[in-house]
């Protein structure tokens, strides 16, 4: 996690996802991932899930952070 946090800071990112590929995770080379969302306010451990599951969890997290889309002004 230290390397991922250093990379997040170096790149100036709000978040970085770190895929745990340590031998104990059992996910390296498999269909599932064990990831951690690392931000300035800490690390959020996500449950082991498929790549699709990681994508969906990340999409929800982004939507929660950004909030609802502003109302369209196309009717004007």
PDB file of N, CA and C in Angstrom:
ATOM      1  N   UNK A   1       0.819  -1.185   0.000  1.00  0.00           N
ATOM      2  CA  UNK A   1       0.000   0.000   0.000  1.00  0.00           C
ATOM      3  C   UNK A   1       0.874   1.265   0.000  1.00  0.00           C
ATOM      4  N   UNK A   2       2.038   1.163   0.589  1.00  0.00           N
ATOM      5  CA  UNK A   2       2.929   2.340   0.626  1.00  0.00           C
ATOM      6  C   UNK A   2       3.289   2.800  -0.780  1.00  0.00           C
ATOM      7  N   UNK A   3       3.577   1.842  -1.657  1.00  0.00           N
ATOM      8  CA  UNK A   3       3.956   2.201  -3.031  1.00  0.00           C
ATOM      9  C   UNK A   3       2.795   2.856  -3.762  1.00  0.00           C
ATOM     10  N   UNK A   4       1.598   2.328  -3.563  1.00  0.00           N
ATOM     11  CA  UNK A   4       0.419   2.906  -4.216  1.00  0.00           C
ATOM     12  C   UNK A   4       0.148   4.314  -3.706  1.00  0.00           C
ATOM     13  N   UNK A   5       0.288   4.520  -2.398  1.00  0.00           N
ATOM     14  CA  UNK A   5       0.078   5.864  -1.834  1.00  0.00           C
ATOM     15  C   UNK A   5       1.111   6.837  -2.370  1.00  0.00           C
ATOM     16  N   UNK A   6       2.355   6.410  -2.471  1.00  0.00           N
ATOM     17  CA  UNK A   6       3.409   7.272  -3.023  1.00  0.00           C
ATOM     18  C   UNK A   6       3.109   7.606  -4.482  1.00  0.00           C
ATOM     19  N   UNK A   7       2.636   6.636  -5.244  1.00  0.00           N
ATOM     20  CA  UNK A   7       2.299   6.869  -6.655  1.00  0.00           C
ATOM     21  C   UNK A   7       1.131   7.845  -6.764  1.00  0.00           C
ATOM     22  N   UNK A   8       0.116   7.689  -5.887  1.00  0.00           N
ATOM     23  CA  UNK A   8      -1.033   8.597  -5.906  1.00  0.00           C
ATOM     24  C   UNK A   8      -0.571  10.039  -5.686  1.00  0.00           C
ATOM     25  N   UNK A   9       0.285  10.222  -4.709  1.00  0.00           N
ATOM     26  CA  UNK A   9       0.795  11.583  -4.429  1.00  0.00           C
ATOM     27  C   UNK A   9       1.634  12.108  -5.587  1.00  0.00           C
ATOM     28  N   UNK A  10       2.532  11.265  -6.100  1.00  0.00           N
ATOM     29  CA  UNK A  10       3.424  11.682  -7.191  1.00  0.00           C
ATOM     30  C   UNK A  10       2.640  12.098  -8.424  1.00  0.00           C
ATOM     31  N   UNK A  11       1.564  11.382  -8.727  1.00  0.00           N
ATOM     32  CA  UNK A  11       0.752  11.672  -9.911  1.00  0.00           C
ATOM     33  C   UNK A  11      -0.284  12.762  -9.662  1.00  0.00           C
ATOM     34  N   UNK A  12      -0.496  13.145  -8.400  1.00  0.00           N
ATOM     35  CA  UNK A  12      -1.475  14.179  -8.077  1.00  0.00           C
ATOM     36  C   UNK A  12      -2.914  13.708  -8.221  1.00  0.00           C
ATOM     37  N   UNK A  13      -3.153  12.412  -8.015  1.00  0.00           N
ATOM     38  CA  UNK A  13      -4.496  11.840  -8.149  1.00  0.00           C
ATOM     39  C   UNK A  13      -5.263  11.955  -6.834  1.00  0.00           C
ATOM     40  N   UNK A  14      -6.575  12.071  -6.946  1.00  0.00           N
ATOM     41  CA  UNK A  14      -7.417  12.022  -5.754  1.00  0.00           C
ATOM     42  C   UNK A  14      -7.436  10.614  -5.178  1.00  0.00           C
ATOM     43  N   UNK A  15      -7.507   9.620  -6.054  1.00  0.00           N
ATOM     44  CA  UNK A  15      -7.570   8.213  -5.665  1.00  0.00           C
ATOM     45  C   UNK A  15      -6.639   7.392  -6.544  1.00  0.00           C
ATOM     46  N   UNK A  16      -6.321   6.221  -6.020  1.00  0.00           N
ATOM     47  CA  UNK A  16      -5.663   5.202  -6.833  1.00  0.00           C
ATOM     48  C   UNK A  16      -6.189   3.854  -6.340  1.00  0.00           C
ATOM     49  N   UNK A  17      -6.412   2.930  -7.253  1.00  0.00           N
ATOM     50  CA  UNK A  17      -6.820   1.578  -6.883  1.00  0.00           C
ATOM     51  C   UNK A  17      -5.582   0.699  -6.859  1.00  0.00           C
ATOM     52  N   UNK A  18      -5.372   0.025  -5.750  1.00  0.00           N
ATOM     53  CA  UNK A  18      -4.246  -0.899  -5.627  1.00  0.00           C
ATOM     54  C   UNK A  18      -4.793  -2.313  -5.646  1.00  0.00           C
ATOM     55  N   UNK A  19      -4.357  -3.101  -6.604  1.00  0.00           N
ATOM     56  CA  UNK A  19      -4.770  -4.493  -6.722  1.00  0.00           C
ATOM     57  C   UNK A  19      -3.806  -5.330  -5.887  1.00  0.00           C
ATOM     58  N   UNK A  20      -4.315  -6.001  -4.865  1.00  0.00           N
ATOM     59  CA  UNK A  20      -3.492  -6.822  -3.981  1.00  0.00           C
ATOM     60  C   UNK A  20      -3.147  -8.125  -4.685  1.00  0.00           C
ATOM     61  N   UNK A  21      -1.900  -8.250  -5.122  1.00  0.00           N
ATOM     62  CA  UNK A  21      -1.458  -9.460  -5.813  1.00  0.00           C
ATOM     63  C   UNK A  21      -0.480 -10.252  -4.953  1.00  0.00           C
ATOM     64  N   UNK A  22      -0.477  -9.977  -3.650  1.00  0.00           N
ATOM     65  CA  UNK A  22       0.416 -10.716  -2.755  1.00  0.00           C
ATOM     66  C   UNK A  22       0.021 -12.194  -2.752  1.00  0.00           C
ATOM     67  N   UNK A  23       0.981 -13.082  -2.492  1.00  0.00           N
ATOM     68  CA  UNK A  23       0.688 -14.522  -2.524  1.00  0.00           C
ATOM     69  C   UNK A  23      -0.495 -14.913  -1.624  1.00  0.00           C
ATOM     70  N   UNK A  24      -0.671 -14.256  -0.510  1.00  0.00           N
ATOM     71  CA  UNK A  24      -1.756 -14.584   0.400  1.00  0.00           C
ATOM     72  C   UNK A  24      -3.138 -14.195  -0.086  1.00  0.00           C
ATOM     73  N   UNK A  25      -3.217 -13.295  -1.074  1.00  0.00           N
ATOM     74  CA  UNK A  25      -4.527 -12.829  -1.554  1.00  0.00           C
ATOM     75  C   UNK A  25      -5.219 -13.873  -2.425  1.00  0.00           C
ATOM     76  N   UNK A  26      -4.426 -14.710  -3.096  1.00  0.00           N
ATOM     77  CA  UNK A  26      -4.993 -15.734  -3.965  1.00  0.00           C
ATOM     78  C   UNK A  26      -5.655 -15.186  -5.210  1.00  0.00           C
ATOM     79  N   UNK A  27      -5.392 -13.923  -5.554  1.00  0.00           N
ATOM     80  CA  UNK A  27      -6.069 -13.335  -6.711  1.00  0.00           C
ATOM     81  C   UNK A  27      -5.170 -13.157  -7.926  1.00  0.00           C
ATOM     82  N   UNK A  28      -3.858 -13.257  -7.760  1.00  0.00           N
ATOM     83  CA  UNK A  28      -2.964 -13.024  -8.892  1.00  0.00           C
ATOM     84  C   UNK A  28      -3.209 -14.073  -9.980  1.00  0.00           C
ATOM     85  N   UNK A  29      -3.510 -13.603 -11.181  1.00  0.00           N
ATOM     86  CA  UNK A  29      -3.758 -14.487 -12.311  1.00  0.00           C
ATOM     87  C   UNK A  29      -5.147 -15.098 -12.333  1.00  0.00           C
ATOM     88  N   UNK A  30      -5.988 -14.728 -11.386  1.00  0.00           N
ATOM     89  CA  UNK A  30      -7.327 -15.284 -11.321  1.00  0.00           C
ATOM     90  C   UNK A  30      -8.370 -14.330 -11.883  1.00  0.00           C
ATOM     91  N   UNK A  31      -9.615 -14.744 -11.780  1.00  0.00           N
ATOM     92  CA  UNK A  31     -10.725 -13.939 -12.291  1.00  0.00           C
ATOM     93  C   UNK A  31     -11.156 -12.857 -11.310  1.00  0.00           C
ATOM     94  N   UNK A  32     -10.805 -13.031 -10.035  1.00  0.00           N
ATOM     95  CA  UNK A  32     -11.211 -12.067  -9.010  1.00  0.00           C
ATOM     96  C   UNK A  32     -10.069 -11.132  -8.646  1.00  0.00           C
ATOM     97  N   UNK A  33     -10.425 -10.026  -8.041  1.00  0.00           N
ATOM     98  CA  UNK A  33      -9.452  -9.037  -7.579  1.00  0.00           C
ATOM     99  C   UNK A  33      -9.740  -8.676  -6.132  1.00  0.00           C
ATOM    100  N   UNK A  34      -8.684  -8.354  -5.416  1.00  0.00           N
ATOM    101  CA  UNK A  34      -8.800  -7.776  -4.086  1.00  0.00           C
ATOM    102  C   UNK A  34      -8.144  -6.412  -4.189  1.00  0.00           C
ATOM    103  N   UNK A  35      -8.943  -5.353  -4.148  1.00  0.00           N
ATOM    104  CA  UNK A  35      -8.406  -4.011  -4.360  1.00  0.00           C
ATOM    105  C   UNK A  35      -8.640  -3.133  -3.138  1.00  0.00           C
ATOM    106  N   UNK A  36      -7.850  -2.078  -3.098  1.00  0.00           N
ATOM    107  CA  UNK A  36      -7.956  -1.067  -2.059  1.00  0.00           C
ATOM    108  C   UNK A  36      -8.019   0.287  -2.756  1.00  0.00           C
ATOM    109  N   UNK A  37      -8.992   1.095  -2.384  1.00  0.00           N
ATOM    110  CA  UNK A  37      -9.100   2.457  -2.904  1.00  0.00           C
ATOM    111  C   UNK A  37      -8.331   3.347  -1.938  1.00  0.00           C
ATOM    112  N   UNK A  38      -7.284   3.986  -2.441  1.00  0.00           N
ATOM    113  CA  UNK A  38      -6.419   4.806  -1.607  1.00  0.00           C
ATOM    114  C   UNK A  38      -6.621   6.265  -1.967  1.00  0.00           C
ATOM    115  N   UNK A  39      -6.957   7.057  -0.971  1.00  0.00           N
ATOM    116  CA  UNK A  39      -7.150   8.489  -1.146  1.00  0.00           C
ATOM    117  C   UNK A  39      -6.435   9.260  -0.063  1.00  0.00           C
ATOM    118  N   UNK A  40      -6.526  10.570  -0.111  1.00  0.00           N
ATOM    119  CA  UNK A  40      -5.862  11.411   0.875  1.00  0.00           C
ATOM    120  C   UNK A  40      -6.381  11.151   2.290  1.00  0.00           C
ATOM    121  N   UNK A  41      -7.644  10.698   2.381  1.00  0.00           N
ATOM    122  CA  UNK A  41      -8.241  10.471   3.698  1.00  0.00           C
ATOM    123  C   UNK A  41      -8.086   9.042   4.194  1.00  0.00           C
ATOM    124  N   UNK A  42      -7.325   8.205   3.489  1.00  0.00           N
ATOM    125  CA  UNK A  42      -7.078   6.850   3.956  1.00  0.00           C
ATOM    126  C   UNK A  42      -7.298   5.788   2.903  1.00  0.00           C
ATOM    127  N   UNK A  43      -7.334   4.555   3.362  1.00  0.00           N
ATOM    128  CA  UNK A  43      -7.464   3.395   2.481  1.00  0.00           C
ATOM    129  C   UNK A  43      -8.771   2.677   2.768  1.00  0.00           C
ATOM    130  N   UNK A  44      -9.475   2.362   1.702  1.00  0.00           N
ATOM    131  CA  UNK A  44     -10.761   1.668   1.787  1.00  0.00           C
ATOM    132  C   UNK A  44     -10.569   0.272   1.185  1.00  0.00           C
ATOM    133  N   UNK A  45     -10.637  -0.769   2.007  1.00  0.00           N
ATOM    134  CA  UNK A  45     -10.485  -2.146   1.520  1.00  0.00           C
ATOM    135  C   UNK A  45     -11.811  -2.623   0.948  1.00  0.00           C
ATOM    136  N   UNK A  46     -11.782  -3.082  -0.279  1.00  0.00           N
ATOM    137  CA  UNK A  46     -12.985  -3.603  -0.920  1.00  0.00           C
ATOM    138  C   UNK A  46     -12.977  -5.123  -0.830  1.00  0.00           C
ATOM    139  N   UNK A  47     -14.149  -5.748  -0.805  1.00  0.00           N
ATOM    140  CA  UNK A  47     -14.189  -7.210  -0.761  1.00  0.00           C
ATOM    141  C   UNK A  47     -13.669  -7.804  -2.073  1.00  0.00           C
ATOM    142  N   UNK A  48     -13.225  -9.041  -2.001  1.00  0.00           N
ATOM    143  CA  UNK A  48     -12.781  -9.744  -3.202  1.00  0.00           C
ATOM    144  C   UNK A  48     -13.973  -9.838  -4.155  1.00  0.00           C
ATOM    145  N   UNK A  49     -13.730  -9.461  -5.419  1.00  0.00           N
ATOM    146  CA  UNK A  49     -14.815  -9.473  -6.398  1.00  0.00           C
ATOM    147  C   UNK A  49     -14.261  -9.587  -7.806  1.00  0.00           C
ATOM    148  N   UNK A  50     -15.148  -9.844  -8.750  1.00  0.00           N
ATOM    149  CA  UNK A  50     -14.756  -9.963 -10.159  1.00  0.00           C
ATOM    150  C   UNK A  50     -14.303  -8.606 -10.684  1.00  0.00           C
ATOM    151  N   UNK A  51     -13.665  -8.623 -11.832  1.00  0.00           N
ATOM    152  CA  UNK A  51     -13.257  -7.361 -12.472  1.00  0.00           C
ATOM    153  C   UNK A  51     -14.479  -6.488 -12.747  1.00  0.00           C
ATOM    154  N   UNK A  52     -15.565  -7.125 -13.188  1.00  0.00           N
ATOM    155  CA  UNK A  52     -16.819  -6.401 -13.421  1.00  0.00           C
ATOM    156  C   UNK A  52     -17.317  -5.790 -12.107  1.00  0.00           C
ATOM    157  N   UNK A  53     -17.223  -6.551 -11.028  1.00  0.00           N
ATOM    158  CA  UNK A  53     -17.637  -6.052  -9.717  1.00  0.00           C
ATOM    159  C   UNK A  53     -16.809  -4.854  -9.276  1.00  0.00           C
ATOM    160  N   UNK A  54     -15.505  -4.914  -9.521  1.00  0.00           N
ATOM    161  CA  UNK A  54     -14.634  -3.775  -9.190  1.00  0.00           C
ATOM    162  C   UNK A  54     -15.061  -2.554  -9.989  1.00  0.00           C
ATOM    163  N   UNK A  55     -15.321  -2.736 -11.268  1.00  0.00           N
ATOM    164  CA  UNK A  55     -15.742  -1.620 -12.131  1.00  0.00           C
ATOM    165  C   UNK A  55     -17.049  -1.017 -11.635  1.00  0.00           C
ATOM    166  N   UNK A  56     -18.005  -1.859 -11.263  1.00  0.00           N
ATOM    167  CA  UNK A  56     -19.294  -1.363 -10.779  1.00  0.00           C
ATOM    168  C   UNK A  56     -19.147  -0.648  -9.434  1.00  0.00           C
ATOM    169  N   UNK A  57     -18.330  -1.192  -8.542  1.00  0.00           N
ATOM    170  CA  UNK A  57     -18.095  -0.556  -7.244  1.00  0.00           C
ATOM    171  C   UNK A  57     -17.421   0.800  -7.438  1.00  0.00           C
ATOM    172  N   UNK A  58     -16.449   0.860  -8.343  1.00  0.00           N
ATOM    173  CA  UNK A  58     -15.764   2.125  -8.613  1.00  0.00           C
ATOM    174  C   UNK A  58     -16.725   3.146  -9.214  1.00  0.00           C
ATOM    175  N   UNK A  59     -17.565   2.713 -10.137  1.00  0.00           N
ATOM    176  CA  UNK A  59     -18.535   3.624 -10.760  1.00  0.00           C
ATOM    177  C   UNK A  59     -19.492   4.190  -9.702  1.00  0.00           C
ATOM    178  N   UNK A  60     -19.955   3.327  -8.783  1.00  0.00           N
ATOM    179  CA  UNK A  60     -20.835   3.803  -7.702  1.00  0.00           C
ATOM    180  C   UNK A  60     -20.109   4.793  -6.805  1.00  0.00           C
ATOM    181  N   UNK A  61     -18.861   4.490  -6.491  1.00  0.00           N
ATOM    182  CA  UNK A  61     -18.079   5.372  -5.607  1.00  0.00           C
ATOM    183  C   UNK A  61     -17.869   6.735  -6.259  1.00  0.00           C
ATOM    184  N   UNK A  62     -17.589   6.764  -7.537  1.00  0.00           N
ATOM    185  CA  UNK A  62     -17.426   8.025  -8.272  1.00  0.00           C
ATOM    186  C   UNK A  62     -18.741   8.801  -8.251  1.00  0.00           C
ATOM    187  N   UNK A  63     -19.849   8.126  -8.539  1.00  0.00           N
ATOM    188  CA  UNK A  63     -21.164   8.783  -8.558  1.00  0.00           C
ATOM    189  C   UNK A  63     -21.502   9.349  -7.185  1.00  0.00           C
ATOM    190  N   UNK A  64     -21.215   8.594  -6.120  1.00  0.00           N
ATOM    191  CA  UNK A  64     -21.476   9.082  -4.762  1.00  0.00           C
ATOM    192  C   UNK A  64     -20.652  10.327  -4.454  1.00  0.00           C
ATOM    193  N   UNK A  65     -19.416  10.334  -4.906  1.00  0.00           N
ATOM    194  CA  UNK A  65     -18.519  11.450  -4.631  1.00  0.00           C
ATOM    195  C   UNK A  65     -18.914  12.701  -5.409  1.00  0.00           C
ATOM    196  N   UNK A  66     -19.276  12.509  -6.660  1.00  0.00           N
ATOM    197  CA  UNK A  66     -19.614  13.661  -7.502  1.00  0.00           C
ATOM    198  C   UNK A  66     -21.042  14.172  -7.255  1.00  0.00           C
ATOM    199  N   UNK A  67     -21.902  13.304  -6.759  1.00  0.00           N
ATOM    200  CA  UNK A  67     -23.283  13.695  -6.510  1.00  0.00           C
ATOM    201  C   UNK A  67     -24.093  13.657  -7.784  1.00  0.00           C
ATOM    202  N   UNK A  68     -25.362  14.055  -7.678  1.00  0.00           N
ATOM    203  CA  UNK A  68     -26.234  14.008  -8.853  1.00  0.00           C
ATOM    204  C   UNK A  68     -25.787  14.998  -9.927  1.00  0.00           C
ATOM    205  N   UNK A  69     -26.093  14.629 -11.157  1.00  0.00           N
ATOM    206  CA  UNK A  69     -25.778  15.514 -12.289  1.00  0.00           C
ATOM    207  C   UNK A  69     -26.644  16.756 -12.210  1.00  0.00           C
ATOM    208  N   UNK A  70     -26.123  17.898 -12.605  1.00  0.00           N
ATOM    209  CA  UNK A  70     -26.938  19.107 -12.596  1.00  0.00           C
ATOM    210  C   UNK A  70     -28.094  18.993 -13.604  1.00  0.00           C
ATOM    211  N   UNK A  71     -29.171  19.662 -13.301  1.00  0.00           N
ATOM    212  CA  UNK A  71     -30.334  19.653 -14.201  1.00  0.00           C
ATOM    213  C   UNK A  71     -29.926  20.233 -15.541  1.00  0.00           C
ATOM    214  N   UNK A  72     -30.423  19.631 -16.593  1.00  0.00           N
ATOM    215  CA  UNK A  72     -30.112  20.091 -17.940  1.00  0.00           C
ATOM    216  C   UNK A  72     -30.832  21.401 -18.239  1.00  0.00           C
ATOM    217  N   UNK A  73     -30.152  22.289 -18.933  1.00  0.00           N
ATOM    218  CA  UNK A  73     -30.780  23.555 -19.318  1.00  0.00           C
ATOM    219  C   UNK A  73     -31.129  23.561 -20.799  1.00  0.00           C
ATOM    220  N   UNK A  74     -31.273  22.359 -21.379  1.00  0.00           N
ATOM    221  CA  UNK A  74     -31.557  22.238 -22.807  1.00  0.00           C
ATOM    222  C   UNK A  74     -32.923  22.783 -23.186  1.00  0.00           C
ATOM    223  N   UNK A  75     -33.841  22.879 -22.225  1.00  0.00           N
ATOM    224  CA  UNK A  75     -35.187  23.353 -22.511  1.00  0.00           C
ATOM    225  C   UNK A  75     -35.244  24.877 -22.719  1.00  0.00           C
ATOM    226  N   UNK A  76     -34.178  25.538 -22.377  1.00  0.00           N
ATOM    227  CA  UNK A  76     -34.185  27.015 -22.504  1.00  0.00           C
ATOM    228  C   UNK A  76     -34.102  27.483 -23.906  1.00  0.00           C
TER     229      UNK A  76
END
